[in-house]
Amino acid sequence: QVQLVESGGGSVQAGGSLRLSCAASRNINSISDIAWYRQAPGKQRELVAGIGIRGGRNYADSVKGRFTVSRDNTKFYLQMNNLKPEDTAVYYCHGKYGTVSIWGQGTQVTVSS
């Protein structure tokens, strides 16, 4: 069984930055469809950013120009700059191991105005 574990959440003021990390219990290179999602209170979980099979990046319109998704040989990351109060949510990393969809446990990001 493969597990994903997020870290790096916290509380910041508007305009600040955070970097989220996601580690896998197996070789990160065996994980595909890497993406970050978030869920704010009372709202549905939404896609924030992802890395496609061929390495292309895609972003939600609300975070374009502020967030950057990346990966290295051990983890994948979400760099979040110029954070806004509306970015407050629980952030989840997601990936696929073969055909199995895997979610992390989530990490809280709180942005105050």
Protein backbone atom coordinates (compact mmCIF):
# COMPACT_ATOMS: atom_id res chain seq x y z
CA GLN A 1 0.00 0.00 0.00
CA VAL A 2 1.36 3.39 -1.01
CA GLN A 3 0.91 6.40 1.23
CA LEU A 4 1.29 10.11 0.58
CA VAL A 5 2.12 12.48 3.42
CA GLU A 6 1.88 16.27 3.15
CA SER A 7 3.82 18.78 5.20
CA GLY A 8 4.48 22.50 5.19
CA GLY A 9 1.06 23.95 5.95
CA GLY A 10 0.57 26.72 8.47
CA SER A 11 -0.73 30.20 9.07
CA VAL A 12 0.50 33.24 7.20
CA GLN A 13 -0.62 36.77 6.50
CA ALA A 14 -1.89 37.80 3.11
CA GLY A 15 0.99 38.28 0.70
CA GLY A 16 3.09 35.63 2.41
CA SER A 17 4.41 32.35 1.07
CA LEU A 18 4.33 28.69 1.99
CA ARG A 19 5.81 25.59 0.43
CA LEU A 20 3.93 22.34 0.72
CA SER A 21 5.71 19.01 0.30
CA CYS A 22 4.33 15.57 -0.41
CA ALA A 23 6.35 12.46 0.29
CA ALA A 24 5.50 8.96 -0.89
CA SER A 25 6.10 5.70 0.93
CA ARG A 26 7.41 4.24 -2.34
CA ASN A 27 9.67 5.59 -5.06
CA ILE A 28 8.11 8.91 -6.10
CA ASN A 29 8.83 8.01 -9.72
CA SER A 30 6.26 5.21 -9.45
CA ILE A 31 3.53 7.79 -8.76
CA SER A 32 1.71 9.33 -11.72
CA ASP A 33 -0.98 11.99 -12.16
CA ILE A 34 0.52 14.07 -9.38
CA ALA A 35 -1.71 16.91 -8.27
CA TRP A 36 -2.61 19.22 -5.41
CA TYR A 37 -6.21 19.77 -4.41
CA ARG A 38 -7.77 21.93 -1.72
CA GLN A 39 -11.01 22.02 0.17
CA ALA A 40 -12.31 25.06 1.99
CA PRO A 41 -15.05 24.80 4.64
CA GLY A 42 -18.43 24.29 3.03
CA LYS A 43 -16.95 23.92 -0.44
CA GLN A 44 -16.12 21.03 -2.74
CA ARG A 45 -12.59 19.80 -3.18
CA GLU A 46 -10.99 21.50 -6.16
CA LEU A 47 -7.93 20.95 -8.29
CA VAL A 48 -5.22 23.52 -7.60
CA ALA A 49 -2.29 22.32 -9.72
CA GLY A 50 -1.04 19.16 -11.38
CA ILE A 51 1.78 17.59 -13.35
CA GLY A 52 0.79 15.60 -16.41
CA ILE A 53 2.34 12.38 -17.65
CA ARG A 54 4.61 14.27 -20.04
CA GLY A 55 5.55 16.82 -17.40
CA GLY A 56 3.18 19.61 -18.39
CA ARG A 57 1.81 21.75 -15.60
CA ASN A 58 -1.77 22.88 -15.19
CA TYR A 59 -3.19 25.34 -12.69
CA ALA A 60 -6.54 26.57 -11.51
CA ASP A 61 -7.19 30.07 -12.82
CA SER A 62 -7.34 31.40 -9.26
CA VAL A 63 -3.71 30.44 -8.56
CA LYS A 64 -2.01 31.02 -11.91
CA GLY A 65 1.06 33.19 -11.53
CA ARG A 66 1.16 32.64 -7.77
CA PHE A 67 1.52 28.89 -7.27
CA THR A 68 4.11 26.53 -8.76
CA VAL A 69 3.95 22.75 -8.73
CA SER A 70 7.18 20.77 -9.05
CA ARG A 71 8.79 17.49 -8.21
CA ASP A 72 12.19 15.97 -7.64
CA ASN A 73 13.29 12.39 -7.08
CA THR A 74 11.94 12.24 -3.56
CA LYS A 75 8.89 14.49 -3.23
CA PHE A 76 6.54 16.78 -5.03
CA TYR A 77 5.89 20.34 -4.01
CA LEU A 78 3.51 23.27 -4.17
CA GLN A 79 5.16 26.66 -3.83
CA MET A 80 2.52 29.21 -2.91
CA ASN A 81 3.36 32.91 -3.17
CA ASN A 82 1.28 36.04 -2.66
CA LEU A 83 -1.22 34.08 -0.62
CA LYS A 84 -4.72 35.45 -0.24
CA PRO A 85 -7.37 34.81 2.43
CA GLU A 86 -9.38 32.89 -0.15
CA ASP A 87 -6.52 30.37 -0.39
CA THR A 88 -7.41 29.20 3.12
CA ALA A 89 -8.21 25.49 2.91
CA VAL A 90 -6.99 21.99 3.64
CA TYR A 91 -4.55 21.05 0.89
CA TYR A 92 -4.22 17.47 -0.30
CA CYS A 93 -1.68 15.82 -2.54
CA HIS A 94 -2.92 13.16 -4.90
CA GLY A 95 -1.34 10.61 -7.17
CA LYS A 96 -1.88 7.28 -8.83
CA TYR A 97 0.06 4.11 -8.18
CA GLY A 98 -0.85 2.02 -11.18
CA THR A 99 -4.62 2.42 -11.30
CA VAL A 100 -5.01 3.07 -7.59
CA SER A 101 -5.88 6.64 -6.60
CA ILE A 102 -4.03 7.81 -3.49
CA TRP A 103 -4.70 10.81 -1.26
CA GLY A 104 -2.65 12.34 1.48
CA GLN A 105 -4.20 13.20 4.82
CA GLY A 106 -4.22 16.92 4.12
CA THR A 107 -2.45 19.92 5.59
CA GLN A 108 -4.15 23.12 6.74
CA VAL A 109 -3.25 26.45 5.15
CA THR A 110 -4.70 29.55 6.79
CA VAL A 111 -4.20 33.01 5.32
CA SER A 112 -5.23 36.02 7.38
CA SER A 113 -5.94 39.47 6.00
